[in-house]
Amino acid sequence: MAYSKAIVLFSGGLDSILAARILQIQNVHVEALCILTPYHHCHDLAKQAADMLDLDFCARWVDQDYYQMLCKPRHGRGGAANPCTDCHAYMAKMAYRRMQETGADFVATGEVLGQRPCSQKRLHLDIISKSSGLGDLLLRPLSAKLLPETRPEREGRVCRDQLYEFSGRRRTELHRLANELKIGLPTAEIAEKSRVVKLQYGSAQRPSPSSGCKLTLKDFAPRFFDMFDRFPAECAEGWHYGTLGFGRHFRLTSTAKLVLGRNQEENAILEQFFHHPSRHGVLMMATGFAGPTGLLMGEISDESIRLAGGLLLRFAKQTVPQQVLYFADRPGVVTPELRTITPTTEANTPRML
């Protein structure tokens, strides 16, 4: 069999691990490509799984055009804000670029025919192959025998007889295959001199199928569509859409919105968003007491600052007027200002998005 290299779209979930391992067994050199989005953070899981299989690993963030795709998906959405078919095609296109960069021969994924209703029916798989530009360079090792023969199979880079014919949503057979291939979470013994990771495989803590994309959650969809309806001009930029995965979101007025951090980590993330080169908004912080950080977006006015500061105090559990420090945009400079604000009452607290 000819030497070949494959780029495998890799989330660290069981399906992508199986796809990579199936190719490894056929002596294909595999690079695991992890695509990062603001709504699905799989880097650590994917890196651990890639180390377990001794794969080359590459992580790439989506580009700004990803947000344009989110706003106007060509092939519709699922039950929430999830444009799964378009999103999978976008990631496959990124894998195609990586294939060209590295001189790899084809791209593979862990997709299973019929497993997911919004992206893995036969029609969806065909759309993803075509829209990504990969065509028959896109191999699905777990369902390959149920799909047309691909170029890597015809060229002898992989053996079709050693591929699989899984379909549907039941995962029993996938877990059985994982047992046969001895796939689980790794226990690693690192040799100090050579720094070589010696891997042992076991099935006690097998990874689950990768999901976790917030766009698929019905309680996340309202904040996405609120942003889409109120700030359509920001679709191409993506700055506002990046904030959706963090904090508590409140619609203050028809033109102003507040995001409040829920912990120290989210406070720091919101501050980073405020310092983004293309940002426009107000950063609000507690002074003299412990409280969340707030990011006020949209039309900035005395009224929106008052409303945002009141909510900040409410979630800081401050019951008396306090000074809130806020950093407002000015031409060419960010100016800190202090204002004494009365906390919002429970009755007047707007519903969270």
Foldseek 3Di string as FASTA:
>chain_A
DDAFEEEEAFLLFLLSLVFVLLLVVLVHQYEYEYEDELQADRVVSRVQSCLQVVHHYHYDYDDLCVLVCLLPPPQDADPFSHQPLSVLLSVLLVRVVVCVVVVGQAYEYSAAAAQDPNARHPVSVQCSCVSSVNNLSYAHQAQRVVDDHGPCCVVVSDPNVSGHRGHHNDCPVSLVVCVVSLAARWDWDADVPVRRTDTDGHHPHHGHGDDRRPRVDRVLRVVVVLCCVQPVVCSSVCLVVSLSSAAWKFDPDSFKIKGWHPDPVRQVVLVVSCPPPPDAFKWKAADPADWTIMTMDGDDDPVSVQQRVQQRCVRSVHQAWGKMWMWHDDVPDTDIDIDTHGHDDPVRGGDTD
